[in-house]
Amino acid sequence: MSIDRQLALSRAFLLKDENSLDAATMAVAEQLSGKMNLTLGEAVSVLGNNQIAEVAGFLSESLNCQQLEQVCDTDTYDLEQAREWGVTEPQYCLAHEIALIAHMTEHKREGLD
């Protein structure tokens, strides 16, 4: 489950009526499904576990961009946190990627990038 980060960032940036986290969630889900113009509800359904969106929100609020840029892999992902949220390692890493894209989208919208 590989996400083209730049493509997702470009798509999320275009979703100007959505907050950055929702836009990132929708952009990633569109890549995963191959469908465009998903609603947020449809995007969460595509993710397969609504907790992924919740974890993405938590990570987006609790980590900064530099922390989110670290690769999410078996050495760096938080196993205890994943258990608490009821997500698998790949789902946690997907949430991590959504959170990073949300931060990148926010920075781009604010003209910081």
N, C-alpha and C. Protein backbone atom coordinates (compact mmCIF):
# COMPACT_ATOMS: atom_id res chain seq x y z
N MET A 1 0.84 -1.17 0.00
CA MET A 1 0.00 0.00 0.00
C MET A 1 0.90 1.24 0.00
N SER A 2 1.35 1.61 -1.18
CA SER A 2 2.26 2.73 -1.32
C SER A 2 1.50 3.97 -1.81
N ILE A 3 1.73 5.08 -1.15
CA ILE A 3 1.07 6.32 -1.48
C ILE A 3 2.08 7.25 -2.15
N ASP A 4 1.69 7.82 -3.27
CA ASP A 4 2.50 8.84 -3.93
C ASP A 4 2.25 10.14 -3.16
N ARG A 5 3.18 10.48 -2.29
CA ARG A 5 3.01 11.61 -1.38
C ARG A 5 2.79 12.93 -2.13
N GLN A 6 3.57 13.17 -3.17
CA GLN A 6 3.44 14.43 -3.90
C GLN A 6 2.10 14.53 -4.62
N LEU A 7 1.65 13.42 -5.17
CA LEU A 7 0.35 13.40 -5.83
C LEU A 7 -0.76 13.65 -4.81
N ALA A 8 -0.66 13.00 -3.66
CA ALA A 8 -1.66 13.20 -2.60
C ALA A 8 -1.64 14.64 -2.10
N LEU A 9 -0.45 15.21 -1.95
CA LEU A 9 -0.33 16.59 -1.51
C LEU A 9 -0.97 17.53 -2.52
N SER A 10 -0.71 17.32 -3.79
CA SER A 10 -1.31 18.16 -4.84
C SER A 10 -2.83 18.07 -4.80
N ARG A 11 -3.34 16.86 -4.65
CA ARG A 11 -4.79 16.66 -4.61
C ARG A 11 -5.39 17.30 -3.37
N ALA A 12 -4.77 17.09 -2.21
CA ALA A 12 -5.28 17.66 -0.96
C ALA A 12 -5.28 19.18 -1.03
N PHE A 13 -4.27 19.75 -1.65
CA PHE A 13 -4.19 21.21 -1.76
C PHE A 13 -5.36 21.76 -2.58
N LEU A 14 -5.81 20.99 -3.55
CA LEU A 14 -6.93 21.41 -4.40
C LEU A 14 -8.27 21.35 -3.68
N LEU A 15 -8.35 20.60 -2.60
CA LEU A 15 -9.60 20.46 -1.85
C LEU A 15 -9.72 21.60 -0.83
N LYS A 16 -9.83 22.79 -1.33
CA LYS A 16 -9.75 24.00 -0.52
C LYS A 16 -10.90 24.16 0.47
N ASP A 17 -12.04 23.52 0.22
CA ASP A 17 -13.17 23.63 1.13
C ASP A 17 -13.07 22.69 2.33
N GLU A 18 -12.05 21.85 2.34
CA GLU A 18 -11.85 20.88 3.42
C GLU A 18 -10.69 21.32 4.30
N ASN A 19 -10.74 20.97 5.59
CA ASN A 19 -9.56 21.24 6.40
C ASN A 19 -8.44 20.32 5.94
N SER A 20 -7.23 20.61 6.32
CA SER A 20 -6.09 19.88 5.77
C SER A 20 -6.12 18.39 6.09
N LEU A 21 -6.57 18.01 7.27
CA LEU A 21 -6.63 16.59 7.62
C LEU A 21 -7.67 15.86 6.78
N ASP A 22 -8.85 16.44 6.64
CA ASP A 22 -9.88 15.81 5.81
C ASP A 22 -9.42 15.73 4.35
N ALA A 23 -8.80 16.79 3.87
CA ALA A 23 -8.32 16.81 2.49
C ALA A 23 -7.27 15.72 2.27
N ALA A 24 -6.37 15.56 3.23
CA ALA A 24 -5.33 14.52 3.12
C ALA A 24 -5.96 13.13 3.15
N THR A 25 -6.93 12.93 4.02
CA THR A 25 -7.62 11.65 4.10
C THR A 25 -8.30 11.32 2.78
N MET A 26 -8.97 12.30 2.21
CA MET A 26 -9.68 12.10 0.95
C MET A 26 -8.69 11.83 -0.19
N ALA A 27 -7.59 12.58 -0.22
CA ALA A 27 -6.59 12.41 -1.29
C ALA A 27 -5.95 11.02 -1.24
N VAL A 28 -5.63 10.55 -0.05
CA VAL A 28 -5.03 9.22 0.10
C VAL A 28 -6.05 8.14 -0.28
N ALA A 29 -7.27 8.29 0.18
CA ALA A 29 -8.31 7.31 -0.15
C ALA A 29 -8.58 7.26 -1.65
N GLU A 30 -8.51 8.41 -2.31
CA GLU A 30 -8.70 8.43 -3.76
C GLU A 30 -7.60 7.64 -4.46
N GLN A 31 -6.38 7.76 -3.97
CA GLN A 31 -5.29 6.96 -4.54
C GLN A 31 -5.52 5.47 -4.32
N LEU A 32 -5.91 5.13 -3.11
CA LEU A 32 -6.12 3.71 -2.78
C LEU A 32 -7.26 3.09 -3.57
N SER A 33 -8.31 3.87 -3.81
CA SER A 33 -9.50 3.34 -4.49
C SER A 33 -9.47 3.51 -5.99
N GLY A 34 -8.65 4.45 -6.47
CA GLY A 34 -8.64 4.75 -7.89
C GLY A 34 -9.85 5.56 -8.32
N LYS A 35 -10.62 6.07 -7.36
CA LYS A 35 -11.80 6.89 -7.64
C LYS A 35 -11.53 8.32 -7.22
N MET A 36 -12.13 9.26 -7.94
CA MET A 36 -11.95 10.67 -7.64
C MET A 36 -13.21 11.23 -6.96
N ASN A 37 -13.04 12.38 -6.35
CA ASN A 37 -14.14 13.14 -5.76
C ASN A 37 -14.90 12.38 -4.68
N LEU A 38 -14.16 11.66 -3.84
CA LEU A 38 -14.79 10.96 -2.72
C LEU A 38 -15.22 11.95 -1.65
N THR A 39 -16.32 11.67 -0.99
CA THR A 39 -16.69 12.44 0.19
C THR A 39 -15.81 11.95 1.34
N LEU A 40 -15.83 12.66 2.43
CA LEU A 40 -15.04 12.22 3.58
C LEU A 40 -15.53 10.87 4.08
N GLY A 41 -16.83 10.67 4.13
CA GLY A 41 -17.39 9.38 4.56
C GLY A 41 -16.94 8.24 3.66
N GLU A 42 -16.96 8.48 2.36
CA GLU A 42 -16.51 7.46 1.41
C GLU A 42 -15.02 7.19 1.59
N ALA A 43 -14.27 8.25 1.83
CA ALA A 43 -12.82 8.10 2.02
C ALA A 43 -12.52 7.25 3.24
N VAL A 44 -13.21 7.51 4.33
CA VAL A 44 -13.00 6.72 5.55
C VAL A 44 -13.36 5.26 5.31
N SER A 45 -14.41 5.02 4.54
CA SER A 45 -14.80 3.64 4.19
C SER A 45 -13.72 2.94 3.39
N VAL A 46 -13.10 3.68 2.47
CA VAL A 46 -12.03 3.11 1.64
C VAL A 46 -10.86 2.67 2.52
N LEU A 47 -10.59 3.43 3.58
CA LEU A 47 -9.47 3.09 4.46
C LEU A 47 -9.68 1.75 5.15
N GLY A 48 -10.93 1.33 5.29
CA GLY A 48 -11.22 0.00 5.81
C GLY A 48 -11.34 -0.10 7.32
N ASN A 49 -10.96 0.94 8.03
CA ASN A 49 -11.06 0.96 9.48
C ASN A 49 -11.17 2.43 9.87
N ASN A 50 -12.31 2.81 10.42
CA ASN A 50 -12.50 4.24 10.73
C ASN A 50 -11.50 4.74 11.76
N GLN A 51 -10.86 3.85 12.47
CA GLN A 51 -9.85 4.25 13.44
C GLN A 51 -8.62 4.85 12.74
N ILE A 52 -8.38 4.50 11.48
CA ILE A 52 -7.23 5.05 10.76
C ILE A 52 -7.34 6.57 10.71
N ALA A 53 -8.53 7.06 10.38
CA ALA A 53 -8.73 8.51 10.33
C ALA A 53 -8.57 9.13 11.71
N GLU A 54 -9.02 8.43 12.74
CA GLU A 54 -8.88 8.93 14.10
C GLU A 54 -7.41 8.99 14.51
N VAL A 55 -6.66 7.95 14.18
CA VAL A 55 -5.22 7.94 14.49
C VAL A 55 -4.52 9.05 13.73
N ALA A 56 -4.89 9.25 12.47
CA ALA A 56 -4.29 10.32 11.66
C ALA A 56 -4.51 11.67 12.34
N GLY A 57 -5.72 11.89 12.84
CA GLY A 57 -6.01 13.14 13.53
C GLY A 57 -5.17 13.30 14.79
N PHE A 58 -5.07 12.21 15.55
CA PHE A 58 -4.26 12.24 16.77
C PHE A 58 -2.80 12.54 16.45
N LEU A 59 -2.26 11.85 15.46
CA LEU A 59 -0.85 12.05 15.09
C LEU A 59 -0.63 13.46 14.56
N SER A 60 -1.57 13.95 13.79
CA SER A 60 -1.46 15.29 13.23
C SER A 60 -1.41 16.35 14.33
N GLU A 61 -2.17 16.14 15.39
CA GLU A 61 -2.21 17.09 16.49
C GLU A 61 -1.03 16.94 17.45
N SER A 62 -0.52 15.72 17.58
CA SER A 62 0.49 15.48 18.61
C SER A 62 1.93 15.48 18.10
N LEU A 63 2.13 15.39 16.80
CA LEU A 63 3.49 15.37 16.25
C LEU A 63 3.67 16.55 15.30
N ASN A 64 4.91 17.03 15.21
CA ASN A 64 5.17 18.09 14.26
C ASN A 64 5.61 17.49 12.92
N CYS A 65 5.77 18.33 11.94
CA CYS A 65 6.09 17.87 10.59
C CYS A 65 7.40 17.07 10.57
N GLN A 66 8.39 17.56 11.30
CA GLN A 66 9.69 16.87 11.32
C GLN A 66 9.55 15.46 11.89
N GLN A 67 8.76 15.31 12.95
CA GLN A 67 8.55 13.98 13.52
C GLN A 67 7.78 13.08 12.55
N LEU A 68 6.82 13.66 11.85
CA LEU A 68 6.03 12.86 10.90
C LEU A 68 6.83 12.48 9.66
N GLU A 69 7.86 13.24 9.34
CA GLU A 69 8.68 12.91 8.18
C GLU A 69 9.54 11.67 8.39
N GLN A 70 9.71 11.26 9.63
CA GLN A 70 10.46 10.03 9.89
C GLN A 70 9.67 8.85 9.34
N VAL A 71 10.36 7.95 8.71
CA VAL A 71 9.71 6.79 8.09
C VAL A 71 8.99 5.97 9.14
N CYS A 72 7.78 5.59 8.84
CA CYS A 72 7.02 4.72 9.73
C CYS A 72 7.32 3.28 9.32
N ASP A 73 8.06 2.57 10.14
CA ASP A 73 8.36 1.17 9.86
C ASP A 73 8.38 0.41 11.17
N THR A 74 8.75 -0.84 11.11
CA THR A 74 8.69 -1.68 12.30
C THR A 74 9.58 -1.18 13.43
N ASP A 75 10.60 -0.39 13.09
CA ASP A 75 11.49 0.14 14.12
C ASP A 75 10.97 1.42 14.76
N THR A 76 10.13 2.16 14.05
CA THR A 76 9.74 3.47 14.55
C THR A 76 8.27 3.63 14.91
N TYR A 77 7.42 2.73 14.44
CA TYR A 77 6.01 2.95 14.77
C TYR A 77 5.73 2.53 16.21
N ASP A 78 4.73 3.13 16.79
CA ASP A 78 4.41 2.95 18.20
C ASP A 78 3.43 1.79 18.36
N LEU A 79 3.95 0.61 18.68
CA LEU A 79 3.15 -0.60 18.81
C LEU A 79 2.06 -0.44 19.88
N GLU A 80 2.42 0.14 21.01
CA GLU A 80 1.45 0.32 22.08
C GLU A 80 0.31 1.24 21.65
N GLN A 81 0.66 2.31 20.96
CA GLN A 81 -0.36 3.23 20.48
C GLN A 81 -1.26 2.55 19.45
N ALA A 82 -0.66 1.75 18.57
CA ALA A 82 -1.44 1.03 17.57
C ALA A 82 -2.43 0.08 18.24
N ARG A 83 -1.99 -0.61 19.27
CA ARG A 83 -2.89 -1.50 20.00
C ARG A 83 -4.04 -0.75 20.64
N GLU A 84 -3.70 0.38 21.26
CA GLU A 84 -4.74 1.19 21.91
C GLU A 84 -5.80 1.65 20.91
N TRP A 85 -5.39 1.98 19.71
CA TRP A 85 -6.32 2.47 18.69
C TRP A 85 -7.00 1.34 17.93
N GLY A 86 -6.50 0.11 18.08
CA GLY A 86 -7.10 -1.03 17.38
C GLY A 86 -6.78 -1.06 15.90
N VAL A 87 -5.53 -0.68 15.57
CA VAL A 87 -5.10 -0.71 14.18
C VAL A 87 -3.86 -1.59 14.04
N THR A 88 -3.68 -2.12 12.85
CA THR A 88 -2.49 -2.92 12.56
C THR A 88 -1.32 -1.99 12.23
N GLU A 89 -0.15 -2.56 12.13
CA GLU A 89 1.03 -1.76 11.77
C GLU A 89 0.83 -1.03 10.43
N PRO A 90 0.40 -1.73 9.36
CA PRO A 90 0.20 -1.01 8.10
C PRO A 90 -0.86 0.10 8.20
N GLN A 91 -1.90 -0.15 8.99
CA GLN A 91 -2.93 0.88 9.16
C GLN A 91 -2.38 2.08 9.94
N TYR A 92 -1.58 1.80 10.95
CA TYR A 92 -0.95 2.88 11.72
C TYR A 92 -0.05 3.71 10.81
N CYS A 93 0.73 3.04 9.98
CA CYS A 93 1.64 3.75 9.07
C CYS A 93 0.86 4.54 8.01
N LEU A 94 -0.29 4.03 7.59
CA LEU A 94 -1.14 4.78 6.67
C LEU A 94 -1.66 6.05 7.35
N ALA A 95 -2.07 5.93 8.59
CA ALA A 95 -2.52 7.09 9.36
C ALA A 95 -1.38 8.10 9.52
N HIS A 96 -0.19 7.59 9.75
CA HIS A 96 1.01 8.43 9.87
C HIS A 96 1.23 9.21 8.58
N GLU A 97 1.08 8.55 7.46
CA GLU A 97 1.25 9.20 6.14
C GLU A 97 0.18 10.26 5.92
N ILE A 98 -1.06 9.96 6.28
CA ILE A 98 -2.15 10.94 6.14
C ILE A 98 -1.85 12.17 7.00
N ALA A 99 -1.38 11.95 8.22
CA ALA A 99 -1.06 13.07 9.11
C ALA A 99 0.06 13.93 8.51
N LEU A 100 1.06 13.30 7.94
CA LEU A 100 2.15 14.05 7.31
C LEU A 100 1.62 14.86 6.13
N ILE A 101 0.81 14.26 5.29
CA ILE A 101 0.25 14.97 4.14
C ILE A 101 -0.63 16.12 4.61
N ALA A 102 -1.34 15.93 5.71
CA ALA A 102 -2.16 17.02 6.27
C ALA A 102 -1.27 18.19 6.70
N HIS A 103 -0.16 17.89 7.37
CA HIS A 103 0.77 18.95 7.78
C HIS A 103 1.35 19.66 6.56
N MET A 104 1.75 18.89 5.57
CA MET A 104 2.33 19.47 4.35
C MET A 104 1.30 20.34 3.63
N THR A 105 0.05 19.89 3.61
CA THR A 105 -1.02 20.66 2.97
C THR A 105 -1.22 21.98 3.70
N GLU A 106 -1.25 21.92 5.00
CA GLU A 106 -1.43 23.14 5.82
C GLU A 106 -0.30 24.13 5.56
N HIS A 107 0.93 23.63 5.53
CA HIS A 107 2.08 24.51 5.28
C HIS A 107 1.99 25.13 3.89
N LYS A 108 1.60 24.34 2.92
CA LYS A 108 1.48 24.85 1.56
C LYS A 108 0.39 25.91 1.48
N ARG A 109 -0.71 25.68 2.16
CA ARG A 109 -1.82 26.65 2.17
C ARG A 109 -1.39 27.95 2.84
N GLU A 110 -0.55 27.84 3.84
CA GLU A 110 -0.08 29.02 4.56
C GLU A 110 1.10 29.69 3.87
N GLY A 111 1.55 29.09 2.76
CA GLY A 111 2.67 29.65 2.01
C GLY A 111 4.01 29.43 2.67
N LEU A 112 4.09 28.41 3.54
CA LEU A 112 5.36 28.12 4.23
C LEU A 112 6.28 27.22 3.41
N ASP A 113 5.74 26.60 2.38
CA ASP A 113 6.57 25.73 1.53
C ASP A 113 6.67 26.31 0.13
